[in-house]
PDB file of N, CA and C in Angstrom:
ATOM      1  N   UNK A   1      37.861 -80.355  47.492  1.00  0.00           N
ATOM      2  CA  UNK A   1      36.921 -80.238  48.479  1.00  0.00           C
ATOM      3  C   UNK A   1      36.428 -79.082  47.804  1.00  0.00           C
ATOM      4  N   UNK A   2      35.602 -78.577  49.256  1.00  0.00           N
ATOM      5  CA  UNK A   2      34.338 -77.057  48.653  1.00  0.00           C
ATOM      6  C   UNK A   2      35.859 -76.087  48.623  1.00  0.00           C
ATOM      7  N   UNK A   3      35.443 -74.857  47.097  1.00  0.00           N
ATOM      8  CA  UNK A   3      36.207 -74.040  46.938  1.00  0.00           C
ATOM      9  C   UNK A   3      36.613 -74.408  45.571  1.00  0.00           C
ATOM     10  N   UNK A   4      36.656 -75.750  45.346  1.00  0.00           N
ATOM     11  CA  UNK A   4      37.030 -76.292  44.070  1.00  0.00           C
ATOM     12  C   UNK A   4      36.118 -75.458  42.966  1.00  0.00           C
ATOM     13  N   UNK A   5      37.158 -75.400  42.064  1.00  0.00           N
ATOM     14  CA  UNK A   5      36.156 -74.766  40.609  1.00  0.00           C
ATOM     15  C   UNK A   5      35.178 -75.632  40.103  1.00  0.00           C
ATOM     16  N   UNK A   6      33.939 -75.320  40.233  1.00  0.00           N
ATOM     17  CA  UNK A   6      32.671 -75.657  39.375  1.00  0.00           C
ATOM     18  C   UNK A   6      32.083 -76.563  40.775  1.00  0.00           C
ATOM     19  N   UNK A   7      32.462 -76.407  41.891  1.00  0.00           N
ATOM     20  CA  UNK A   7      31.671 -76.906  42.906  1.00  0.00           C
ATOM     21  C   UNK A   7      31.321 -76.195  43.625  1.00  0.00           C
ATOM     22  N   UNK A   8      29.740 -76.366  44.376  1.00  0.00           N
ATOM     23  CA  UNK A   8      29.000 -75.223  44.699  1.00  0.00           C
ATOM     24  C   UNK A   8      28.273 -76.289  46.252  1.00  0.00           C
ATOM     25  N   UNK A   9      27.474 -75.324  46.835  1.00  0.00           N
ATOM     26  CA  UNK A   9      26.827 -75.658  48.210  1.00  0.00           C
ATOM     27  C   UNK A   9      25.726 -75.117  47.983  1.00  0.00           C
ATOM     28  N   UNK A  10      24.701 -75.966  47.929  1.00  0.00           N
ATOM     29  CA  UNK A  10      23.185 -75.996  48.244  1.00  0.00           C
ATOM     30  C   UNK A  10      22.729 -75.705  49.434  1.00  0.00           C
ATOM     31  N   UNK A  11      21.956 -74.837  50.186  1.00  0.00           N
ATOM     32  CA  UNK A  11      21.369 -75.181  51.276  1.00  0.00           C
ATOM     33  C   UNK A  11      19.653 -75.171  51.334  1.00  0.00           C
ATOM     34  N   UNK A  12      19.324 -75.987  51.824  1.00  0.00           N
ATOM     35  CA  UNK A  12      17.735 -76.133  52.027  1.00  0.00           C
ATOM     36  C   UNK A  12      17.141 -75.626  53.531  1.00  0.00           C
ATOM     37  N   UNK A  13      16.376 -75.143  53.712  1.00  0.00           N
ATOM     38  CA  UNK A  13      16.010 -74.662  55.060  1.00  0.00           C
ATOM     39  C   UNK A  13      14.251 -75.063  55.136  1.00  0.00           C
ATOM     40  N   UNK A  14      14.152 -76.341  56.221  1.00  0.00           N
ATOM     41  CA  UNK A  14      12.877 -76.210  56.624  1.00  0.00           C
ATOM     42  C   UNK A  14      12.533 -76.343  57.932  1.00  0.00           C
ATOM     43  N   UNK A  15      11.583 -75.108  58.025  1.00  0.00           N
ATOM     44  CA  UNK A  15      10.875 -75.082  59.628  1.00  0.00           C
ATOM     45  C   UNK A  15      10.080 -75.961  60.057  1.00  0.00           C
ATOM     46  N   UNK A  16      10.672 -76.446  61.121  1.00  0.00           N
ATOM     47  CA  UNK A  16       9.576 -77.255  61.802  1.00  0.00           C
ATOM     48  C   UNK A  16       9.445 -76.899  63.244  1.00  0.00           C
ATOM     49  N   UNK A  17       8.351 -76.283  63.586  1.00  0.00           N
ATOM     50  CA  UNK A  17       7.560 -75.780  64.711  1.00  0.00           C
ATOM     51  C   UNK A  17       8.765 -74.750  65.441  1.00  0.00           C
ATOM     52  N   UNK A  18       9.475 -75.022  66.573  1.00  0.00           N
ATOM     53  CA  UNK A  18      10.228 -74.045  66.916  1.00  0.00           C
ATOM     54  C   UNK A  18      11.629 -74.205  66.173  1.00  0.00           C
ATOM     55  N   UNK A  19      11.776 -75.324  65.613  1.00  0.00           N
ATOM     56  CA  UNK A  19      13.516 -75.508  65.111  1.00  0.00           C
ATOM     57  C   UNK A  19      13.486 -75.501  63.319  1.00  0.00           C
ATOM     58  N   UNK A  20      14.519 -75.265  63.120  1.00  0.00           N
ATOM     59  CA  UNK A  20      14.826 -75.444  61.576  1.00  0.00           C
ATOM     60  C   UNK A  20      15.833 -76.484  61.337  1.00  0.00           C
ATOM     61  N   UNK A  21      15.663 -77.155  60.287  1.00  0.00           N
ATOM     62  CA  UNK A  21      16.300 -78.319  59.319  1.00  0.00           C
ATOM     63  C   UNK A  21      17.108 -77.613  58.368  1.00  0.00           C
ATOM     64  N   UNK A  22      18.798 -77.773  58.506  1.00  0.00           N
ATOM     65  CA  UNK A  22      19.131 -77.165  57.533  1.00  0.00           C
ATOM     66  C   UNK A  22      20.058 -78.219  56.760  1.00  0.00           C
ATOM     67  N   UNK A  23      19.659 -78.230  55.343  1.00  0.00           N
ATOM     68  CA  UNK A  23      20.695 -79.243  54.734  1.00  0.00           C
ATOM     69  C   UNK A  23      21.354 -78.844  53.661  1.00  0.00           C
ATOM     70  N   UNK A  24      22.775 -79.377  53.814  1.00  0.00           N
ATOM     71  CA  UNK A  24      24.070 -78.962  53.044  1.00  0.00           C
ATOM     72  C   UNK A  24      24.188 -79.775  51.786  1.00  0.00           C
ATOM     73  N   UNK A  25      23.726 -79.466  50.475  1.00  0.00           N
ATOM     74  CA  UNK A  25      24.289 -80.572  49.411  1.00  0.00           C
ATOM     75  C   UNK A  25      25.602 -80.004  48.631  1.00  0.00           C
ATOM     76  N   UNK A  26      26.358 -81.173  48.421  1.00  0.00           N
ATOM     77  CA  UNK A  26      27.618 -80.666  47.554  1.00  0.00           C
ATOM     78  C   UNK A  26      26.771 -81.036  46.353  1.00  0.00           C
ATOM     79  N   UNK A  27      27.295 -79.565  45.128  1.00  0.00           N
ATOM     80  CA  UNK A  27      26.769 -80.068  43.934  1.00  0.00           C
ATOM     81  C   UNK A  27      27.560 -81.055  42.929  1.00  0.00           C
ATOM     82  N   UNK A  28      28.641 -81.446  43.237  1.00  0.00           N
ATOM     83  CA  UNK A  28      29.483 -82.301  42.554  1.00  0.00           C
ATOM     84  C   UNK A  28      29.170 -83.960  42.774  1.00  0.00           C
ATOM     85  N   UNK A  29      29.219 -84.328  44.403  1.00  0.00           N
ATOM     86  CA  UNK A  29      29.012 -85.736  44.762  1.00  0.00           C
ATOM     87  C   UNK A  29      27.354 -85.640  45.044  1.00  0.00           C
ATOM     88  N   UNK A  30      26.720 -84.929  45.160  1.00  0.00           N
ATOM     89  CA  UNK A  30      25.400 -85.167  45.600  1.00  0.00           C
ATOM     90  C   UNK A  30      25.179 -85.462  47.413  1.00  0.00           C
ATOM     91  N   UNK A  31      26.446 -85.324  47.885  1.00  0.00           N
ATOM     92  CA  UNK A  31      26.738 -85.908  49.382  1.00  0.00           C
ATOM     93  C   UNK A  31      25.607 -84.618  50.075  1.00  0.00           C
ATOM     94  N   UNK A  32      24.973 -84.923  50.943  1.00  0.00           N
ATOM     95  CA  UNK A  32      24.119 -83.976  51.893  1.00  0.00           C
ATOM     96  C   UNK A  32      24.101 -84.255  53.711  1.00  0.00           C
ATOM     97  N   UNK A  33      24.236 -83.809  53.878  1.00  0.00           N
ATOM     98  CA  UNK A  33      23.970 -83.532  55.346  1.00  0.00           C
ATOM     99  C   UNK A  33      23.116 -82.412  56.093  1.00  0.00           C
ATOM    100  N   UNK A  34      22.890 -82.556  57.159  1.00  0.00           N
ATOM    101  CA  UNK A  34      21.619 -82.185  57.797  1.00  0.00           C
ATOM    102  C   UNK A  34      21.767 -81.805  59.081  1.00  0.00           C
ATOM    103  N   UNK A  35      21.419 -80.695  59.613  1.00  0.00           N
ATOM    104  CA  UNK A  35      21.568 -80.469  61.226  1.00  0.00           C
ATOM    105  C   UNK A  35      20.145 -79.679  61.312  1.00  0.00           C
ATOM    106  N   UNK A  36      20.106 -79.602  63.017  1.00  0.00           N
ATOM    107  CA  UNK A  36      18.935 -78.884  62.992  1.00  0.00           C
ATOM    108  C   UNK A  36      19.224 -77.836  64.164  1.00  0.00           C
ATOM    109  N   UNK A  37      18.705 -76.644  64.156  1.00  0.00           N
ATOM    110  CA  UNK A  37      18.584 -75.728  65.502  1.00  0.00           C
ATOM    111  C   UNK A  37      17.338 -75.034  65.278  1.00  0.00           C
ATOM    112  N   UNK A  38      17.943 -74.011  66.237  1.00  0.00           N
ATOM    113  CA  UNK A  38      16.481 -73.364  67.055  1.00  0.00           C
ATOM    114  C   UNK A  38      16.328 -72.119  65.718  1.00  0.00           C
ATOM    115  N   UNK A  39      14.883 -72.037  65.413  1.00  0.00           N
ATOM    116  CA  UNK A  39      14.169 -71.583  64.460  1.00  0.00           C
ATOM    117  C   UNK A  39      14.695 -69.854  64.427  1.00  0.00           C
ATOM    118  N   UNK A  40      15.260 -69.440  65.728  1.00  0.00           N
ATOM    119  CA  UNK A  40      15.515 -67.985  65.866  1.00  0.00           C
ATOM    120  C   UNK A  40      17.082 -67.483  65.734  1.00  0.00           C
ATOM    121  N   UNK A  41      17.714 -69.089  65.458  1.00  0.00           N
ATOM    122  CA  UNK A  41      19.469 -68.626  65.070  1.00  0.00           C
ATOM    123  C   UNK A  41      19.127 -67.649  63.710  1.00  0.00           C
ATOM    124  N   UNK A  42      20.427 -67.299  63.860  1.00  0.00           N
ATOM    125  CA  UNK A  42      20.668 -66.356  62.476  1.00  0.00           C
ATOM    126  C   UNK A  42      20.747 -67.716  61.197  1.00  0.00           C
ATOM    127  N   UNK A  43      20.643 -67.263  60.249  1.00  0.00           N
ATOM    128  CA  UNK A  43      20.676 -68.256  59.193  1.00  0.00           C
ATOM    129  C   UNK A  43      22.120 -68.492  58.748  1.00  0.00           C
ATOM    130  N   UNK A  44      22.666 -67.350  58.726  1.00  0.00           N
ATOM    131  CA  UNK A  44      24.379 -67.461  58.206  1.00  0.00           C
ATOM    132  C   UNK A  44      24.943 -68.381  59.258  1.00  0.00           C
ATOM    133  N   UNK A  45      24.807 -68.425  60.749  1.00  0.00           N
ATOM    134  CA  UNK A  45      25.103 -69.375  61.794  1.00  0.00           C
ATOM    135  C   UNK A  45      24.846 -70.845  61.390  1.00  0.00           C
ATOM    136  N   UNK A  46      23.771 -71.129  61.225  1.00  0.00           N
ATOM    137  CA  UNK A  46      23.065 -72.456  60.837  1.00  0.00           C
ATOM    138  C   UNK A  46      23.494 -73.007  59.869  1.00  0.00           C
ATOM    139  N   UNK A  47      23.870 -72.030  58.604  1.00  0.00           N
ATOM    140  CA  UNK A  47      24.586 -72.645  57.534  1.00  0.00           C
ATOM    141  C   UNK A  47      25.983 -72.917  57.494  1.00  0.00           C
ATOM    142  N   UNK A  48      26.846 -72.092  58.383  1.00  0.00           N
ATOM    143  CA  UNK A  48      28.180 -72.260  58.858  1.00  0.00           C
ATOM    144  C   UNK A  48      28.056 -73.763  59.418  1.00  0.00           C
ATOM    145  N   UNK A  49      27.381 -74.348  60.483  1.00  0.00           N
ATOM    146  CA  UNK A  49      27.571 -75.287  60.992  1.00  0.00           C
ATOM    147  C   UNK A  49      27.342 -76.402  60.291  1.00  0.00           C
ATOM    148  N   UNK A  50      26.762 -76.276  59.002  1.00  0.00           N
ATOM    149  CA  UNK A  50      25.983 -77.446  58.184  1.00  0.00           C
ATOM    150  C   UNK A  50      27.043 -77.601  57.089  1.00  0.00           C
ATOM    151  N   UNK A  51      27.816 -76.147  56.979  1.00  0.00           N
ATOM    152  CA  UNK A  51      28.790 -76.519  56.128  1.00  0.00           C
ATOM    153  C   UNK A  51      29.799 -77.015  56.730  1.00  0.00           C
ATOM    154  N   UNK A  52      30.461 -76.755  57.712  1.00  0.00           N
ATOM    155  CA  UNK A  52      31.613 -77.299  58.720  1.00  0.00           C
ATOM    156  C   UNK A  52      31.242 -78.811  58.580  1.00  0.00           C
ATOM    157  N   UNK A  53      30.003 -79.374  58.701  1.00  0.00           N
ATOM    158  CA  UNK A  53      29.527 -80.878  58.760  1.00  0.00           C
ATOM    159  C   UNK A  53      29.630 -81.137  57.576  1.00  0.00           C
ATOM    160  N   UNK A  54      29.486 -80.752  56.521  1.00  0.00           N
ATOM    161  CA  UNK A  54      29.669 -81.300  54.927  1.00  0.00           C
ATOM    162  C   UNK A  54      31.177 -81.320  54.585  1.00  0.00           C
ATOM    163  N   UNK A  55      31.903 -80.478  55.006  1.00  0.00           N
ATOM    164  CA  UNK A  55      33.653 -80.196  54.764  1.00  0.00           C
ATOM    165  C   UNK A  55      34.031 -81.599  55.754  1.00  0.00           C
ATOM    166  N   UNK A  56      34.006 -81.790  56.561  1.00  0.00           N
ATOM    167  CA  UNK A  56      33.934 -83.344  57.317  1.00  0.00           C
ATOM    168  C   UNK A  56      33.602 -84.381  56.563  1.00  0.00           C
ATOM    169  N   UNK A  57      32.752 -84.533  56.425  1.00  0.00           N
ATOM    170  CA  UNK A  57      31.868 -85.488  55.807  1.00  0.00           C
ATOM    171  C   UNK A  57      32.689 -85.862  54.119  1.00  0.00           C
ATOM    172  N   UNK A  58      32.977 -84.659  53.250  1.00  0.00           N
ATOM    173  CA  UNK A  58      33.875 -85.144  52.338  1.00  0.00           C
ATOM    174  C   UNK A  58      34.989 -85.591  52.365  1.00  0.00           C
ATOM    175  N   UNK A  59      35.547 -84.862  53.349  1.00  0.00           N
ATOM    176  CA  UNK A  59      37.077 -85.241  53.804  1.00  0.00           C
ATOM    177  C   UNK A  59      37.197 -86.651  54.450  1.00  0.00           C
ATOM    178  N   UNK A  60      36.223 -87.475  54.994  1.00  0.00           N
ATOM    179  CA  UNK A  60      36.264 -88.448  55.665  1.00  0.00           C
ATOM    180  C   UNK A  60      35.672 -89.556  54.057  1.00  0.00           C
ATOM    181  N   UNK A  61      35.183 -89.243  53.324  1.00  0.00           N
ATOM    182  CA  UNK A  61      34.534 -90.003  51.566  1.00  0.00           C
ATOM    183  C   UNK A  61      35.938 -89.976  51.161  1.00  0.00           C
ATOM    184  N   UNK A  62      36.900 -88.421  51.048  1.00  0.00           N
ATOM    185  CA  UNK A  62      37.990 -88.841  50.409  1.00  0.00           C
ATOM    186  C   UNK A  62      39.143 -89.883  50.836  1.00  0.00           C
ATOM    187  N   UNK A  63      39.310 -89.582  51.941  1.00  0.00           N
ATOM    188  CA  UNK A  63      40.211 -90.613  52.916  1.00  0.00           C
ATOM    189  C   UNK A  63      39.881 -92.000  52.611  1.00  0.00           C
ATOM    190  N   UNK A  64      38.822 -92.781  52.629  1.00  0.00           N
ATOM    191  CA  UNK A  64      38.122 -93.627  53.085  1.00  0.00           C
ATOM    192  C   UNK A  64      37.669 -94.326  51.686  1.00  0.00           C
TER     193      UNK A  64
END
């Protein structure tokens, strides 16, 4: 999962009015998840939440 050698996570930030959509993309599987938060939130906080969601999605994919 995340942390494996050769695996990276790419983040994309799209500001939409007072909100920002953050997309987290796994480099090995091309699985992506997205979250929406306030545009004033810290970038690191938004990326942390998106990364948690991506880890959960990858775990579901691996289990099933």
